[in-house]
Amino acid sequence: MANLSLQYKDLYNLVARFLWKTQPGKWMQDIDTKSSDTQTTIIKNICARGYRNFLYPIDERTGKEYLWTFLKQHYTINLINEKWKYALPENFSEILTEPSFSDEDGYISLTRVSPEKILDMRVAAVETIVPSYYAIAPSNYDLETGTFYEF
């Protein structure tokens, strides 16, 4: 059965074969990814640059960055009565569209404010009403995954 996955080591070997026109297995059977020799460093840099260009390409026509649609993931938050903080997914990076209620609810749009403003409003009055403001705030940081955010 075919395997469609590639490891970095596979990419390194493909780039090495292309650059030095060698046959499979003729150049470094297994590239030592921890090595810091010149050829391995060149190969690693080319692969890293190619990966960055794939993830964050620049549109040649407009000169603006292009975001792949498959990288945009939509997320739904179901509001619970009297709950005011919601953890966003680990892979959250930005809001793509303004948050809104479903069409059936008929509520007004949410307005983005600073997290401090939300805290000030909560101190002034704690009421159970339909929210009209929201903020995105970092909640905590993990060394492996980065910063987590809350809504």
Protein backbone atom coordinates (compact mmCIF):
# COMPACT_ATOMS: atom_id res chain seq x y z
CA MET A 1 0.00 0.00 0.00
CA ALA A 2 1.29 3.47 -0.87
CA ASN A 3 2.23 5.83 1.90
CA LEU A 4 1.57 9.49 1.14
CA SER A 5 3.42 10.90 4.13
CA LEU A 6 6.83 12.53 3.95
CA GLN A 7 9.23 13.05 6.80
CA TYR A 8 11.76 15.88 6.83
CA LYS A 9 14.48 13.28 6.23
CA ASP A 10 12.72 12.27 2.97
CA LEU A 11 12.63 15.91 1.87
CA TYR A 12 16.29 16.34 2.73
CA ASN A 13 17.19 13.32 0.57
CA LEU A 14 15.10 14.60 -2.37
CA VAL A 15 16.73 18.04 -2.20
CA ALA A 16 20.19 16.48 -1.94
CA ARG A 17 19.53 14.32 -5.01
CA PHE A 18 18.33 17.36 -6.95
CA LEU A 19 21.24 19.61 -5.95
CA TRP A 20 24.04 17.12 -6.35
CA LYS A 21 22.45 15.05 -9.16
CA THR A 22 23.04 11.77 -7.36
CA GLN A 23 21.01 8.59 -7.51
CA PRO A 24 18.97 7.38 -4.54
CA GLY A 25 21.26 5.98 -1.88
CA LYS A 26 24.45 7.42 -3.47
CA TRP A 27 24.48 10.52 -1.28
CA MET A 28 24.18 9.93 2.45
CA GLN A 29 22.06 6.84 2.99
CA ASP A 30 20.40 8.49 5.94
CA ILE A 31 20.92 12.20 6.44
CA ASP A 32 21.92 12.90 9.99
CA THR A 33 19.46 15.66 10.86
CA LYS A 34 21.60 16.67 13.85
CA SER A 35 24.68 17.19 11.67
CA SER A 36 25.93 20.71 11.09
CA ASP A 37 28.14 20.12 8.06
CA THR A 38 27.81 22.58 5.17
CA GLN A 39 25.80 20.39 2.79
CA THR A 40 23.31 19.32 5.46
CA THR A 41 22.90 22.93 6.60
CA ILE A 42 22.23 24.06 3.01
CA ILE A 43 19.65 21.30 2.56
CA LYS A 44 17.91 22.09 5.85
CA ASN A 45 17.75 25.82 5.00
CA ILE A 46 16.29 25.14 1.54
CA CYS A 47 13.61 22.83 3.03
CA ALA A 48 12.74 25.32 5.79
CA ARG A 49 12.49 28.20 3.29
CA GLY A 50 10.32 26.10 0.97
CA TYR A 51 8.04 25.11 3.84
CA ARG A 52 7.66 28.76 4.93
CA ASN A 53 6.93 29.81 1.34
CA PHE A 54 4.28 27.10 1.14
CA LEU A 55 2.58 28.12 4.39
CA TYR A 56 2.84 31.88 3.86
CA PRO A 57 3.08 32.54 0.14
CA ILE A 58 3.15 36.00 -1.41
CA ASP A 59 0.70 36.59 -4.26
CA GLU A 60 2.93 37.63 -7.19
CA ARG A 61 0.18 39.77 -8.74
CA THR A 62 -0.64 41.88 -5.68
CA GLY A 63 2.46 41.49 -3.52
CA LYS A 64 0.22 40.64 -0.56
CA GLU A 65 0.45 37.51 1.51
CA TYR A 66 -1.98 34.74 0.69
CA LEU A 67 -3.60 32.52 3.31
CA TRP A 68 -4.51 29.02 2.15
CA THR A 69 -8.20 28.29 2.68
CA PHE A 70 -7.43 24.83 4.09
CA LEU A 71 -5.51 26.53 6.93
CA LYS A 72 -8.58 28.58 7.92
CA GLN A 73 -10.53 26.54 10.42
CA HIS A 74 -13.91 27.70 11.62
CA TYR A 75 -14.95 27.25 15.22
CA THR A 76 -18.33 27.54 16.89
CA ILE A 77 -18.76 28.61 20.49
CA ASN A 78 -21.99 27.61 22.13
CA LEU A 79 -22.74 30.18 24.82
CA ILE A 80 -23.84 28.88 28.19
CA ASN A 81 -25.93 30.94 30.56
CA GLU A 82 -23.83 32.71 33.22
CA LYS A 83 -20.51 31.56 31.73
CA TRP A 84 -18.33 34.41 30.50
CA LYS A 85 -14.99 32.79 29.57
CA TYR A 86 -14.51 30.22 26.81
CA ALA A 87 -11.24 28.51 25.92
CA LEU A 88 -10.36 28.78 22.23
CA PRO A 89 -8.78 25.79 20.44
CA GLU A 90 -5.01 25.28 20.78
CA ASN A 91 -4.44 26.10 17.11
CA PHE A 92 -6.22 29.48 17.37
CA SER A 93 -4.26 32.33 15.79
CA GLU A 94 -6.78 34.98 14.73
CA ILE A 95 -10.45 35.76 14.15
CA LEU A 96 -11.34 35.29 10.48
CA THR A 97 -14.90 36.65 10.68
CA GLU A 98 -16.63 38.72 13.31
CA PRO A 99 -18.47 36.55 15.82
CA SER A 100 -22.23 36.56 15.44
CA PHE A 101 -25.31 34.89 16.79
CA SER A 102 -27.39 32.58 14.63
CA ASP A 103 -29.92 34.29 12.35
CA GLU A 104 -32.82 32.82 14.32
CA ASP A 105 -31.76 34.57 17.55
CA GLY A 106 -32.03 38.10 16.16
CA TYR A 107 -29.49 39.58 18.59
CA ILE A 108 -27.25 42.54 17.77
CA SER A 109 -23.69 41.97 16.52
CA LEU A 110 -20.86 41.60 18.99
CA THR A 111 -18.35 44.45 19.30
CA ARG A 112 -14.70 43.72 20.01
CA VAL A 113 -13.19 45.53 22.99
CA SER A 114 -10.06 45.11 25.08
CA PRO A 115 -9.97 42.41 27.78
CA GLU A 116 -9.59 45.19 30.39
CA LYS A 117 -12.87 46.79 29.27
CA ILE A 118 -14.66 43.45 29.73
CA LEU A 119 -13.26 43.16 33.26
CA ASP A 120 -14.31 46.75 34.04
CA MET A 121 -17.85 46.07 32.81
CA ARG A 122 -18.03 42.89 34.92
CA VAL A 123 -17.02 44.82 38.05
CA ALA A 124 -19.62 47.51 37.38
CA ALA A 125 -22.53 45.07 36.97
CA VAL A 126 -22.93 41.31 36.85
CA GLU A 127 -26.11 40.61 34.95
CA THR A 128 -27.42 37.72 32.95
CA ILE A 129 -27.99 39.34 29.58
CA VAL A 130 -27.19 38.57 25.97
CA PRO A 131 -23.55 39.56 25.40
CA SER A 132 -22.86 42.51 23.13
CA TYR A 133 -19.07 42.76 23.62
CA TYR A 134 -16.23 40.30 23.34
CA ALA A 135 -12.47 40.21 23.74
CA ILE A 136 -9.70 37.78 22.87
CA ALA A 137 -7.13 37.42 25.64
CA PRO A 138 -4.13 35.16 26.17
CA SER A 139 -4.85 32.78 29.03
CA ASN A 140 -1.65 30.82 29.62
CA TYR A 141 1.53 29.75 27.88
CA ASP A 142 2.83 26.25 27.25
CA LEU A 143 6.44 25.74 26.17
CA GLU A 144 5.52 23.06 23.59
CA THR A 145 2.32 24.46 22.09
CA GLY A 146 2.63 28.18 22.73
CA THR A 147 0.03 30.63 23.99
CA PHE A 148 -3.57 29.60 24.62
CA TYR A 149 -6.34 32.15 24.16
CA GLU A 150 -9.78 32.64 25.61
CA PHE A 151 -12.89 34.37 24.30
